[in-house]
């Protein structure tokens, strides 16, 4: 169960801090309307991701005996996570000169998350094999992964909203950039682990 806690923390923190549509909106709303508006955007994934998770769980219940399918998903997920890690390593900071509409922060956050490809790619490729492995152990392992993932995903964005509310320059400071690069390296390692597990599921590697 500890492994799923670590997976949730690493993936959640990486997703929470990585530049993207939702993070950019968190920053722009905070700069224009204060930290509370940015925090509303930050909680949007809690509302929009539930259908994706339920759909993934429903599909997994039908695919639980198909090791080949889970193997392919794990390979794809490992490749995707490795790509995210490589891209995160090259992050130079977040641009703060964009403009955002003036109100309805939560609604805008939900739309940004729904229209972003990242949640769909994550839950179909990375989340599916992790949840399959967790369910094979216990419902508690699945809950530990989901709770730790969203606690760090949302918590990191809320923390950034508070920091940006106090200091506009934080997003270009070395501490943020070094944290992202460290997470990028961890993501690349995690991607290799997922690809290894995909090879085990496909029978290419002795587990």
N, C-alpha and C. Protein backbone atom coordinates (compact mmCIF):
# COMPACT_ATOMS: atom_id res chain seq x y z
N UNK A 1 0.83 -1.21 0.00
CA UNK A 1 0.00 0.00 0.00
C UNK A 1 0.87 1.26 0.00
N UNK A 2 2.05 1.14 0.59
CA UNK A 2 2.96 2.29 0.62
C UNK A 2 3.35 2.72 -0.79
N UNK A 3 3.51 1.74 -1.68
CA UNK A 3 3.91 2.08 -3.06
C UNK A 3 2.85 2.93 -3.75
N UNK A 4 1.57 2.67 -3.44
CA UNK A 4 0.50 3.46 -4.06
C UNK A 4 0.42 4.86 -3.45
N UNK A 5 0.79 4.97 -2.18
CA UNK A 5 0.87 6.30 -1.56
C UNK A 5 1.96 7.12 -2.24
N UNK A 6 3.13 6.50 -2.46
CA UNK A 6 4.24 7.20 -3.12
C UNK A 6 3.86 7.57 -4.55
N UNK A 7 3.22 6.64 -5.28
CA UNK A 7 2.79 6.94 -6.64
C UNK A 7 1.83 8.13 -6.67
N UNK A 8 0.88 8.13 -5.75
CA UNK A 8 -0.09 9.22 -5.69
C UNK A 8 0.58 10.55 -5.39
N UNK A 9 1.54 10.54 -4.47
CA UNK A 9 2.23 11.78 -4.10
C UNK A 9 3.05 12.32 -5.26
N UNK A 10 3.85 11.45 -5.89
CA UNK A 10 4.73 11.90 -6.99
C UNK A 10 3.91 12.39 -8.18
N UNK A 11 2.93 11.59 -8.60
CA UNK A 11 2.13 11.97 -9.76
C UNK A 11 1.27 13.20 -9.46
N UNK A 12 0.69 13.26 -8.26
CA UNK A 12 -0.15 14.39 -7.90
C UNK A 12 0.64 15.69 -7.80
N UNK A 13 1.81 15.63 -7.16
CA UNK A 13 2.62 16.83 -7.02
C UNK A 13 3.14 17.30 -8.38
N UNK A 14 3.54 16.34 -9.21
CA UNK A 14 4.02 16.70 -10.55
C UNK A 14 2.92 17.36 -11.37
N UNK A 15 1.73 16.77 -11.34
CA UNK A 15 0.61 17.35 -12.09
C UNK A 15 0.20 18.70 -11.52
N UNK A 16 0.30 18.84 -10.20
CA UNK A 16 -0.10 20.09 -9.57
C UNK A 16 0.82 21.25 -9.88
N UNK A 17 2.12 20.96 -10.08
CA UNK A 17 3.10 22.03 -10.29
C UNK A 17 3.45 22.25 -11.75
N UNK A 18 3.15 21.28 -12.61
CA UNK A 18 3.56 21.39 -14.01
C UNK A 18 2.76 22.46 -14.74
N UNK A 19 3.42 23.26 -15.59
CA UNK A 19 2.71 24.27 -16.38
C UNK A 19 1.67 23.63 -17.30
N UNK A 20 0.55 24.27 -17.44
CA UNK A 20 -0.53 23.77 -18.28
C UNK A 20 -1.71 24.73 -18.21
N UNK A 21 -2.81 24.41 -18.89
CA UNK A 21 -3.96 25.32 -18.93
C UNK A 21 -4.52 25.66 -17.56
N UNK A 22 -4.68 24.64 -16.70
CA UNK A 22 -5.29 24.89 -15.39
C UNK A 22 -4.36 25.71 -14.51
N UNK A 23 -3.06 25.37 -14.51
CA UNK A 23 -2.12 26.14 -13.69
C UNK A 23 -2.04 27.59 -14.16
N UNK A 24 -2.02 27.79 -15.47
CA UNK A 24 -1.99 29.15 -16.00
C UNK A 24 -3.22 29.94 -15.57
N UNK A 25 -4.37 29.27 -15.56
CA UNK A 25 -5.61 29.92 -15.13
C UNK A 25 -5.59 30.21 -13.64
N UNK A 26 -5.03 29.29 -12.85
CA UNK A 26 -4.87 29.54 -11.41
C UNK A 26 -4.09 30.83 -11.19
N UNK A 27 -2.99 30.97 -11.92
CA UNK A 27 -2.13 32.15 -11.76
C UNK A 27 -2.83 33.42 -12.22
N UNK A 28 -3.45 33.36 -13.41
CA UNK A 28 -4.07 34.58 -13.95
C UNK A 28 -5.26 35.03 -13.10
N UNK A 29 -6.05 34.07 -12.60
CA UNK A 29 -7.18 34.43 -11.74
C UNK A 29 -6.69 35.01 -10.42
N UNK A 30 -5.59 34.44 -9.89
CA UNK A 30 -5.03 34.96 -8.64
C UNK A 30 -4.53 36.39 -8.82
N UNK A 31 -3.83 36.64 -9.93
CA UNK A 31 -3.28 37.97 -10.17
C UNK A 31 -4.38 39.01 -10.36
N UNK A 32 -5.49 38.60 -10.98
CA UNK A 32 -6.55 39.56 -11.27
C UNK A 32 -7.59 39.68 -10.16
N UNK A 33 -7.86 38.58 -9.47
CA UNK A 33 -8.98 38.59 -8.52
C UNK A 33 -8.62 38.10 -7.11
N UNK A 34 -7.34 37.78 -6.88
CA UNK A 34 -6.93 37.37 -5.55
C UNK A 34 -6.80 35.86 -5.41
N UNK A 35 -6.18 35.44 -4.29
CA UNK A 35 -5.88 34.03 -4.06
C UNK A 35 -7.14 33.17 -4.00
N UNK A 36 -8.25 33.71 -3.49
CA UNK A 36 -9.47 32.91 -3.40
C UNK A 36 -9.95 32.48 -4.78
N UNK A 37 -9.86 33.36 -5.77
CA UNK A 37 -10.26 33.01 -7.14
C UNK A 37 -9.35 31.91 -7.70
N UNK A 38 -8.04 32.03 -7.44
CA UNK A 38 -7.11 30.99 -7.89
C UNK A 38 -7.39 29.65 -7.24
N UNK A 39 -7.77 29.66 -5.97
CA UNK A 39 -8.08 28.42 -5.25
C UNK A 39 -9.33 27.76 -5.82
N UNK A 40 -10.29 28.56 -6.27
CA UNK A 40 -11.49 27.98 -6.90
C UNK A 40 -11.13 27.22 -8.17
N UNK A 41 -10.21 27.79 -8.95
CA UNK A 41 -9.75 27.09 -10.15
C UNK A 41 -9.03 25.80 -9.76
N UNK A 42 -8.26 25.85 -8.67
CA UNK A 42 -7.45 24.70 -8.26
C UNK A 42 -8.29 23.48 -7.92
N UNK A 43 -9.51 23.68 -7.40
CA UNK A 43 -10.32 22.53 -7.00
C UNK A 43 -11.13 21.96 -8.17
N UNK A 44 -11.05 22.57 -9.34
CA UNK A 44 -11.84 22.12 -10.49
C UNK A 44 -11.64 20.63 -10.82
N UNK A 45 -10.40 20.08 -10.76
CA UNK A 45 -10.24 18.67 -11.10
C UNK A 45 -11.04 17.72 -10.20
N UNK A 46 -11.31 18.14 -8.96
CA UNK A 46 -12.12 17.30 -8.07
C UNK A 46 -13.53 17.11 -8.62
N UNK A 47 -14.01 18.10 -9.37
CA UNK A 47 -15.38 18.05 -9.90
C UNK A 47 -15.44 17.45 -11.30
N UNK A 48 -14.39 17.64 -12.08
CA UNK A 48 -14.45 17.19 -13.48
C UNK A 48 -13.87 15.80 -13.71
N UNK A 49 -13.00 15.34 -12.83
CA UNK A 49 -12.33 14.05 -13.08
C UNK A 49 -13.15 12.84 -12.65
N UNK A 50 -14.15 13.04 -11.79
CA UNK A 50 -14.91 11.90 -11.26
C UNK A 50 -15.49 11.01 -12.37
N UNK A 51 -16.14 11.57 -13.40
CA UNK A 51 -16.66 10.69 -14.47
C UNK A 51 -15.56 9.89 -15.17
N UNK A 52 -14.39 10.50 -15.36
CA UNK A 52 -13.28 9.79 -15.99
C UNK A 52 -12.82 8.62 -15.14
N UNK A 53 -12.74 8.83 -13.83
CA UNK A 53 -12.30 7.76 -12.94
C UNK A 53 -13.32 6.63 -12.92
N UNK A 54 -14.60 6.97 -12.83
CA UNK A 54 -15.65 5.95 -12.81
C UNK A 54 -15.66 5.15 -14.12
N UNK A 55 -15.48 5.84 -15.24
CA UNK A 55 -15.43 5.15 -16.54
C UNK A 55 -14.23 4.21 -16.60
N UNK A 56 -13.08 4.68 -16.11
CA UNK A 56 -11.88 3.85 -16.11
C UNK A 56 -12.08 2.62 -15.25
N UNK A 57 -12.68 2.79 -14.07
CA UNK A 57 -12.93 1.65 -13.18
C UNK A 57 -13.90 0.67 -13.82
N UNK A 58 -14.93 1.18 -14.51
CA UNK A 58 -15.90 0.31 -15.17
C UNK A 58 -15.22 -0.51 -16.27
N UNK A 59 -14.36 0.13 -17.04
CA UNK A 59 -13.64 -0.59 -18.09
C UNK A 59 -12.67 -1.61 -17.51
N UNK A 60 -12.01 -1.24 -16.41
CA UNK A 60 -11.07 -2.16 -15.79
C UNK A 60 -11.75 -3.41 -15.27
N UNK A 61 -12.99 -3.28 -14.79
CA UNK A 61 -13.72 -4.45 -14.30
C UNK A 61 -13.97 -5.46 -15.42
N UNK A 62 -14.02 -4.98 -16.67
CA UNK A 62 -14.21 -5.86 -17.82
C UNK A 62 -12.88 -6.36 -18.39
N UNK A 63 -11.81 -5.61 -18.13
CA UNK A 63 -10.51 -5.95 -18.71
C UNK A 63 -9.56 -6.59 -17.71
N UNK A 64 -10.07 -6.87 -16.50
CA UNK A 64 -9.20 -7.33 -15.42
C UNK A 64 -8.42 -8.59 -15.79
N UNK A 65 -9.03 -9.45 -16.64
CA UNK A 65 -8.37 -10.70 -17.00
C UNK A 65 -7.54 -10.58 -18.28
N UNK A 66 -7.55 -9.42 -18.91
CA UNK A 66 -6.83 -9.24 -20.17
C UNK A 66 -5.48 -8.59 -19.91
N UNK A 67 -4.50 -9.43 -19.56
CA UNK A 67 -3.18 -8.90 -19.23
C UNK A 67 -2.56 -8.15 -20.41
N UNK A 68 -2.85 -8.61 -21.63
CA UNK A 68 -2.29 -7.96 -22.80
C UNK A 68 -2.74 -6.52 -22.93
N UNK A 69 -4.03 -6.27 -22.68
CA UNK A 69 -4.56 -4.91 -22.77
C UNK A 69 -3.91 -4.03 -21.71
N UNK A 70 -3.84 -4.54 -20.48
CA UNK A 70 -3.23 -3.76 -19.41
C UNK A 70 -1.74 -3.54 -19.68
N UNK A 71 -1.10 -4.53 -20.30
CA UNK A 71 0.31 -4.37 -20.65
C UNK A 71 0.53 -3.26 -21.65
N UNK A 72 -0.31 -3.22 -22.68
CA UNK A 72 -0.20 -2.15 -23.68
C UNK A 72 -0.47 -0.79 -23.05
N UNK A 73 -1.51 -0.72 -22.19
CA UNK A 73 -1.81 0.53 -21.50
C UNK A 73 -0.65 0.98 -20.63
N UNK A 74 -0.02 0.02 -19.94
CA UNK A 74 1.10 0.36 -19.07
C UNK A 74 2.29 0.86 -19.88
N UNK A 75 2.54 0.23 -21.03
CA UNK A 75 3.62 0.71 -21.90
C UNK A 75 3.34 2.12 -22.40
N UNK A 76 2.09 2.35 -22.84
CA UNK A 76 1.71 3.68 -23.32
C UNK A 76 1.80 4.70 -22.20
N UNK A 77 1.32 4.31 -21.01
CA UNK A 77 1.38 5.22 -19.87
C UNK A 77 2.81 5.53 -19.47
N UNK A 78 3.68 4.52 -19.51
CA UNK A 78 5.08 4.75 -19.20
C UNK A 78 5.73 5.71 -20.17
N UNK A 79 5.40 5.55 -21.45
CA UNK A 79 5.93 6.47 -22.45
C UNK A 79 5.43 7.89 -22.25
N UNK A 80 4.15 8.02 -21.91
CA UNK A 80 3.56 9.34 -21.69
C UNK A 80 4.18 10.02 -20.47
N UNK A 81 4.32 9.27 -19.38
CA UNK A 81 4.91 9.83 -18.16
C UNK A 81 6.37 10.22 -18.41
N UNK A 82 7.11 9.38 -19.14
CA UNK A 82 8.50 9.72 -19.46
C UNK A 82 8.58 11.00 -20.29
N UNK A 83 7.66 11.15 -21.25
CA UNK A 83 7.62 12.37 -22.05
C UNK A 83 7.33 13.59 -21.18
N UNK A 84 6.36 13.45 -20.26
CA UNK A 84 6.06 14.56 -19.35
C UNK A 84 7.27 14.91 -18.50
N UNK A 85 7.99 13.87 -18.04
CA UNK A 85 9.18 14.12 -17.24
C UNK A 85 10.25 14.85 -18.03
N UNK A 86 10.48 14.43 -19.28
CA UNK A 86 11.46 15.09 -20.14
C UNK A 86 11.08 16.54 -20.39
N UNK A 87 9.79 16.78 -20.65
CA UNK A 87 9.33 18.15 -20.90
C UNK A 87 9.44 19.00 -19.63
N UNK A 88 9.15 18.39 -18.47
CA UNK A 88 9.24 19.12 -17.20
C UNK A 88 10.68 19.52 -16.89
N UNK A 89 11.63 18.66 -17.26
CA UNK A 89 13.04 18.98 -17.03
C UNK A 89 13.46 20.26 -17.75
N UNK A 90 12.82 20.55 -18.88
CA UNK A 90 13.18 21.73 -19.65
C UNK A 90 12.37 22.97 -19.33
N UNK A 91 11.54 22.90 -18.29
CA UNK A 91 10.69 24.04 -17.94
C UNK A 91 11.54 25.26 -17.55
N UNK A 92 11.18 26.40 -18.09
CA UNK A 92 11.89 27.65 -17.79
C UNK A 92 11.09 28.57 -16.87
N UNK A 93 9.87 28.17 -16.53
CA UNK A 93 9.01 29.01 -15.71
C UNK A 93 7.66 29.17 -16.37
N UNK A 94 6.79 29.93 -15.76
CA UNK A 94 5.44 30.15 -16.28
C UNK A 94 5.28 31.61 -16.67
N UNK A 95 4.79 31.85 -17.88
CA UNK A 95 4.55 33.23 -18.31
C UNK A 95 3.35 33.80 -17.56
N UNK A 96 3.49 35.03 -17.13
CA UNK A 96 2.44 35.68 -16.35
C UNK A 96 1.79 36.84 -17.09
N UNK A 97 2.05 36.94 -18.38
CA UNK A 97 1.55 38.11 -19.09
C UNK A 97 0.26 37.85 -19.86
N UNK A 98 -0.34 36.65 -19.67
CA UNK A 98 -1.59 36.36 -20.36
C UNK A 98 -2.76 37.03 -19.68
N UNK A 99 -3.87 37.15 -20.41
CA UNK A 99 -5.07 37.75 -19.85
C UNK A 99 -6.14 36.68 -19.71
N UNK A 100 -7.02 36.86 -18.73
CA UNK A 100 -8.12 35.92 -18.52
C UNK A 100 -9.40 36.69 -18.35
N UNK A 101 -10.54 36.08 -18.68
CA UNK A 101 -11.81 36.74 -18.44
C UNK A 101 -11.97 37.08 -16.97
N UNK A 102 -12.97 37.88 -16.67
CA UNK A 102 -12.97 38.56 -15.37
C UNK A 102 -13.69 37.87 -14.23
N UNK A 103 -14.40 36.77 -14.43
CA UNK A 103 -15.15 36.22 -13.31
C UNK A 103 -15.40 34.73 -13.51
N UNK A 104 -16.24 34.15 -12.60
CA UNK A 104 -16.61 32.73 -12.67
C UNK A 104 -15.37 31.84 -12.67
N UNK A 105 -14.54 31.98 -11.66
CA UNK A 105 -13.28 31.26 -11.60
C UNK A 105 -13.47 29.74 -11.62
N UNK A 106 -14.41 29.23 -10.82
CA UNK A 106 -14.62 27.79 -10.75
C UNK A 106 -15.09 27.24 -12.09
N UNK A 107 -16.04 27.94 -12.73
CA UNK A 107 -16.54 27.50 -14.03
C UNK A 107 -15.42 27.47 -15.06
N UNK A 108 -14.59 28.50 -15.06
CA UNK A 108 -13.48 28.55 -16.02
C UNK A 108 -12.48 27.43 -15.74
N UNK A 109 -12.25 27.14 -14.46
CA UNK A 109 -11.34 26.06 -14.12
C UNK A 109 -11.86 24.71 -14.59
N UNK A 110 -13.16 24.48 -14.43
CA UNK A 110 -13.76 23.22 -14.88
C UNK A 110 -13.67 23.09 -16.40
N UNK A 111 -13.95 24.18 -17.11
CA UNK A 111 -13.87 24.14 -18.57
C UNK A 111 -12.43 23.90 -19.04
N UNK A 112 -11.48 24.56 -18.39
CA UNK A 112 -10.07 24.38 -18.76
C UNK A 112 -9.65 22.93 -18.58
N UNK A 113 -10.11 22.31 -17.49
CA UNK A 113 -9.74 20.92 -17.23
C UNK A 113 -10.44 19.96 -18.19
N UNK A 114 -11.72 20.22 -18.46
CA UNK A 114 -12.47 19.36 -19.38
C UNK A 114 -11.93 19.42 -20.80
N UNK A 115 -11.45 20.58 -21.21
CA UNK A 115 -10.98 20.76 -22.58
C UNK A 115 -9.49 20.45 -22.74
N UNK A 116 -8.82 20.15 -21.64
CA UNK A 116 -7.41 19.77 -21.72
C UNK A 116 -7.29 18.27 -22.01
N UNK A 117 -6.37 17.87 -22.87
CA UNK A 117 -6.21 16.43 -23.15
C UNK A 117 -5.54 15.66 -22.03
N UNK A 118 -4.87 16.36 -21.11
CA UNK A 118 -4.07 15.67 -20.11
C UNK A 118 -4.86 14.73 -19.20
N UNK A 119 -6.02 15.13 -18.65
CA UNK A 119 -6.76 14.18 -17.80
C UNK A 119 -7.16 12.91 -18.54
N UNK A 120 -7.57 13.05 -19.79
CA UNK A 120 -7.99 11.88 -20.57
C UNK A 120 -6.80 10.96 -20.86
N UNK A 121 -5.67 11.56 -21.23
CA UNK A 121 -4.47 10.76 -21.47
C UNK A 121 -4.00 10.09 -20.19
N UNK A 122 -4.05 10.83 -19.08
CA UNK A 122 -3.57 10.27 -17.82
C UNK A 122 -4.39 9.07 -17.37
N UNK A 123 -5.72 9.25 -17.32
CA UNK A 123 -6.55 8.17 -16.78
C UNK A 123 -6.67 6.99 -17.72
N UNK A 124 -6.53 7.21 -19.02
CA UNK A 124 -6.63 6.09 -19.96
C UNK A 124 -5.33 5.30 -20.07
N UNK A 125 -4.20 5.97 -19.81
CA UNK A 125 -2.92 5.28 -19.98
C UNK A 125 -2.18 5.05 -18.66
N UNK A 126 -1.99 6.09 -17.88
CA UNK A 126 -1.24 5.96 -16.63
C UNK A 126 -2.13 5.47 -15.49
N UNK A 127 -3.28 6.11 -15.32
CA UNK A 127 -4.15 5.76 -14.19
C UNK A 127 -4.71 4.35 -14.27
N UNK A 128 -5.04 3.89 -15.48
CA UNK A 128 -5.68 2.57 -15.63
C UNK A 128 -4.82 1.43 -15.08
N UNK A 129 -3.56 1.29 -15.52
CA UNK A 129 -2.77 0.18 -14.97
C UNK A 129 -2.47 0.32 -13.48
N UNK A 130 -2.30 1.54 -13.00
CA UNK A 130 -2.05 1.72 -11.56
C UNK A 130 -3.28 1.31 -10.76
N UNK A 131 -4.47 1.74 -11.20
CA UNK A 131 -5.69 1.37 -10.48
C UNK A 131 -5.96 -0.12 -10.59
N UNK A 132 -5.63 -0.74 -11.73
CA UNK A 132 -5.81 -2.18 -11.87
C UNK A 132 -4.95 -2.93 -10.86
N UNK A 133 -3.71 -2.50 -10.72
CA UNK A 133 -2.81 -3.14 -9.75
C UNK A 133 -3.29 -2.90 -8.32
N UNK A 134 -3.77 -1.68 -8.05
CA UNK A 134 -4.27 -1.37 -6.71
C UNK A 134 -5.49 -2.22 -6.37
N UNK A 135 -6.43 -2.34 -7.32
CA UNK A 135 -7.64 -3.13 -7.07
C UNK A 135 -7.33 -4.59 -6.85
N UNK A 136 -6.25 -5.08 -7.48
CA UNK A 136 -5.88 -6.48 -7.29
C UNK A 136 -5.37 -6.74 -5.88
N UNK A 137 -4.93 -5.67 -5.20
CA UNK A 137 -4.47 -5.82 -3.81
C UNK A 137 -5.61 -5.63 -2.82
N UNK A 138 -6.27 -4.46 -2.90
CA UNK A 138 -7.38 -4.18 -1.97
C UNK A 138 -8.04 -2.86 -2.35
N UNK A 139 -9.32 -2.68 -1.97
CA UNK A 139 -9.95 -1.37 -2.19
C UNK A 139 -9.22 -0.25 -1.47
N UNK A 140 -8.61 -0.57 -0.32
CA UNK A 140 -7.88 0.43 0.43
C UNK A 140 -6.70 0.98 -0.35
N UNK A 141 -6.01 0.11 -1.10
CA UNK A 141 -4.87 0.56 -1.90
C UNK A 141 -5.32 1.54 -2.97
N UNK A 142 -6.48 1.26 -3.57
CA UNK A 142 -7.03 2.17 -4.59
C UNK A 142 -7.37 3.52 -3.97
N UNK A 143 -7.99 3.51 -2.79
CA UNK A 143 -8.34 4.75 -2.11
C UNK A 143 -7.09 5.55 -1.73
N UNK A 144 -6.07 4.86 -1.26
CA UNK A 144 -4.82 5.54 -0.88
C UNK A 144 -4.23 6.25 -2.09
N UNK A 145 -4.22 5.59 -3.25
CA UNK A 145 -3.68 6.21 -4.46
C UNK A 145 -4.49 7.43 -4.86
N UNK A 146 -5.82 7.28 -4.93
CA UNK A 146 -6.67 8.39 -5.38
C UNK A 146 -6.62 9.57 -4.42
N UNK A 147 -6.69 9.30 -3.11
CA UNK A 147 -6.69 10.38 -2.13
C UNK A 147 -5.35 11.12 -2.13
N UNK A 148 -4.24 10.37 -2.15
CA UNK A 148 -2.93 11.03 -2.14
C UNK A 148 -2.70 11.80 -3.44
N UNK A 149 -3.16 11.25 -4.57
CA UNK A 149 -3.00 11.94 -5.86
C UNK A 149 -3.73 13.27 -5.86
N UNK A 150 -5.00 13.27 -5.47
CA UNK A 150 -5.77 14.51 -5.54
C UNK A 150 -5.42 15.48 -4.42
N UNK A 151 -4.99 14.96 -3.27
CA UNK A 151 -4.55 15.85 -2.19
C UNK A 151 -3.35 16.68 -2.65
N UNK A 152 -2.42 16.04 -3.36
CA UNK A 152 -1.23 16.76 -3.84
C UNK A 152 -1.52 17.57 -5.09
N UNK A 153 -2.35 17.04 -5.99
CA UNK A 153 -2.71 17.78 -7.21
C UNK A 153 -3.38 19.11 -6.87
N UNK A 154 -4.42 19.03 -6.05
CA UNK A 154 -5.17 20.23 -5.68
C UNK A 154 -4.39 21.07 -4.68
N UNK A 155 -3.76 20.40 -3.71
CA UNK A 155 -3.01 21.12 -2.68
C UNK A 155 -1.87 21.94 -3.25
N UNK A 156 -1.17 21.39 -4.25
CA UNK A 156 -0.06 22.13 -4.86
C UNK A 156 -0.55 23.38 -5.57
N UNK A 157 -1.68 23.26 -6.27
CA UNK A 157 -2.22 24.42 -6.98
C UNK A 157 -2.75 25.47 -6.00
N UNK A 158 -3.35 25.04 -4.90
CA UNK A 158 -3.81 25.99 -3.88
C UNK A 158 -2.61 26.71 -3.27
N UNK A 159 -1.55 25.95 -2.97
CA UNK A 159 -0.34 26.56 -2.41
C UNK A 159 0.26 27.59 -3.37
N UNK A 160 0.26 27.26 -4.67
CA UNK A 160 0.79 28.21 -5.65
C UNK A 160 -0.08 29.46 -5.74
N UNK A 161 -1.40 29.28 -5.65
CA UNK A 161 -2.29 30.45 -5.66
C UNK A 161 -1.97 31.37 -4.49
N UNK A 162 -1.73 30.80 -3.32
CA UNK A 162 -1.40 31.60 -2.15
C UNK A 162 -0.05 32.29 -2.32
N UNK A 163 0.93 31.56 -2.88
CA UNK A 163 2.26 32.15 -3.08
C UNK A 163 2.24 33.25 -4.13
N UNK A 164 1.53 33.01 -5.24
CA UNK A 164 1.44 34.03 -6.28
C UNK A 164 0.69 35.25 -5.77
N UNK A 165 -0.31 35.00 -4.91
CA UNK A 165 -1.04 36.12 -4.32
C UNK A 165 -0.14 37.02 -3.51
N UNK A 166 0.93 36.44 -2.96
CA UNK A 166 1.87 37.22 -2.16
C UNK A 166 3.06 37.73 -2.98
N UNK A 167 3.48 36.95 -3.98
CA UNK A 167 4.68 37.32 -4.74
C UNK A 167 4.52 36.90 -6.19
N UNK A 168 4.35 37.86 -7.07
CA UNK A 168 4.19 37.60 -8.51
C UNK A 168 5.40 36.90 -9.11
N UNK A 169 6.58 37.15 -8.57
CA UNK A 169 7.81 36.63 -9.17
C UNK A 169 8.11 35.18 -8.78
N UNK A 170 7.29 34.58 -7.90
CA UNK A 170 7.63 33.24 -7.39
C UNK A 170 7.80 32.22 -8.51
N UNK A 171 6.94 32.29 -9.55
CA UNK A 171 6.92 31.25 -10.58
C UNK A 171 8.20 31.22 -11.41
N UNK A 172 9.03 32.23 -11.33
CA UNK A 172 10.30 32.21 -12.08
C UNK A 172 11.50 32.07 -11.15
N UNK A 173 11.25 31.84 -9.87
CA UNK A 173 12.35 31.72 -8.91
C UNK A 173 12.99 30.33 -8.99
N UNK A 174 14.29 30.23 -8.63
CA UNK A 174 14.99 28.94 -8.72
C UNK A 174 14.33 27.82 -7.94
N UNK A 175 13.75 28.09 -6.76
CA UNK A 175 13.18 27.01 -5.96
C UNK A 175 12.06 26.31 -6.72
N UNK A 176 11.24 27.07 -7.44
CA UNK A 176 10.16 26.47 -8.23
C UNK A 176 10.73 25.68 -9.40
N UNK A 177 11.71 26.25 -10.09
CA UNK A 177 12.29 25.58 -11.26
C UNK A 177 13.03 24.31 -10.85
N UNK A 178 13.80 24.36 -9.76
CA UNK A 178 14.53 23.17 -9.32
C UNK A 178 13.57 22.08 -8.84
N UNK A 179 12.49 22.49 -8.19
CA UNK A 179 11.48 21.51 -7.76
C UNK A 179 10.89 20.80 -8.97
N UNK A 180 10.54 21.57 -10.00
CA UNK A 180 9.99 20.99 -11.21
C UNK A 180 10.97 20.03 -11.87
N UNK A 181 12.23 20.39 -11.93
CA UNK A 181 13.21 19.53 -12.58
C UNK A 181 13.44 18.25 -11.79
N UNK A 182 13.41 18.35 -10.46
CA UNK A 182 13.50 17.15 -9.65
C UNK A 182 12.31 16.23 -9.89
N UNK A 183 11.13 16.82 -9.98
CA UNK A 183 9.94 16.02 -10.26
C UNK A 183 10.00 15.44 -11.67
N UNK A 184 10.58 16.18 -12.62
CA UNK A 184 10.72 15.67 -13.97
C UNK A 184 11.58 14.41 -14.00
N UNK A 185 12.67 14.41 -13.24
CA UNK A 185 13.53 13.24 -13.16
C UNK A 185 12.78 12.06 -12.54
N UNK A 186 12.01 12.33 -11.48
CA UNK A 186 11.22 11.27 -10.85
C UNK A 186 10.18 10.72 -11.80
N UNK A 187 9.57 11.59 -12.62
CA UNK A 187 8.58 11.13 -13.59
C UNK A 187 9.22 10.22 -14.63
N UNK A 188 10.41 10.54 -15.08
CA UNK A 188 11.08 9.70 -16.06
C UNK A 188 11.39 8.32 -15.48
N UNK A 189 11.80 8.28 -14.23
CA UNK A 189 12.05 6.99 -13.56
C UNK A 189 10.75 6.21 -13.43
N UNK A 190 9.68 6.90 -13.02
CA UNK A 190 8.38 6.25 -12.90
C UNK A 190 7.90 5.72 -14.25
N UNK A 191 8.15 6.47 -15.32
CA UNK A 191 7.77 6.02 -16.65
C UNK A 191 8.47 4.72 -17.01
N UNK A 192 9.75 4.60 -16.67
CA UNK A 192 10.48 3.37 -16.93
C UNK A 192 9.91 2.21 -16.13
N UNK A 193 9.50 2.48 -14.88
CA UNK A 193 8.89 1.44 -14.06
C UNK A 193 7.59 0.95 -14.68
N UNK A 194 6.76 1.89 -15.14
CA UNK A 194 5.49 1.52 -15.78
C UNK A 194 5.73 0.70 -17.04
N UNK A 195 6.74 1.06 -17.83
CA UNK A 195 7.04 0.29 -19.03
C UNK A 195 7.55 -1.10 -18.68
N UNK A 196 8.32 -1.20 -17.60
CA UNK A 196 8.78 -2.51 -17.13
C UNK A 196 7.58 -3.38 -16.74
N UNK A 197 6.63 -2.79 -15.99
CA UNK A 197 5.45 -3.55 -15.59
C UNK A 197 4.61 -3.95 -16.80
N UNK A 198 4.57 -3.08 -17.82
CA UNK A 198 3.88 -3.44 -19.06
C UNK A 198 4.52 -4.65 -19.71
N UNK A 199 5.85 -4.70 -19.71
CA UNK A 199 6.56 -5.86 -20.25
C UNK A 199 6.25 -7.13 -19.48
N UNK A 200 6.09 -7.00 -18.15
CA UNK A 200 5.73 -8.16 -17.32
C UNK A 200 4.34 -8.65 -17.68
N UNK A 201 3.36 -7.72 -17.80
CA UNK A 201 2.00 -8.10 -18.15
C UNK A 201 1.94 -8.78 -19.52
N UNK A 202 2.77 -8.32 -20.45
CA UNK A 202 2.77 -8.89 -21.80
C UNK A 202 3.59 -10.17 -21.90
N UNK A 203 4.28 -10.51 -20.82
CA UNK A 203 5.08 -11.73 -20.83
C UNK A 203 6.45 -11.57 -21.45
N UNK A 204 6.85 -10.34 -21.73
CA UNK A 204 8.17 -10.10 -22.32
C UNK A 204 9.27 -10.19 -21.28
N UNK A 205 8.90 -9.92 -20.02
CA UNK A 205 9.86 -9.90 -18.92
C UNK A 205 9.34 -10.82 -17.82
N UNK A 206 10.21 -11.59 -17.21
CA UNK A 206 9.81 -12.44 -16.09
C UNK A 206 9.65 -11.56 -14.85
N UNK A 207 8.43 -11.59 -14.28
CA UNK A 207 8.16 -10.78 -13.10
C UNK A 207 8.55 -11.47 -11.83
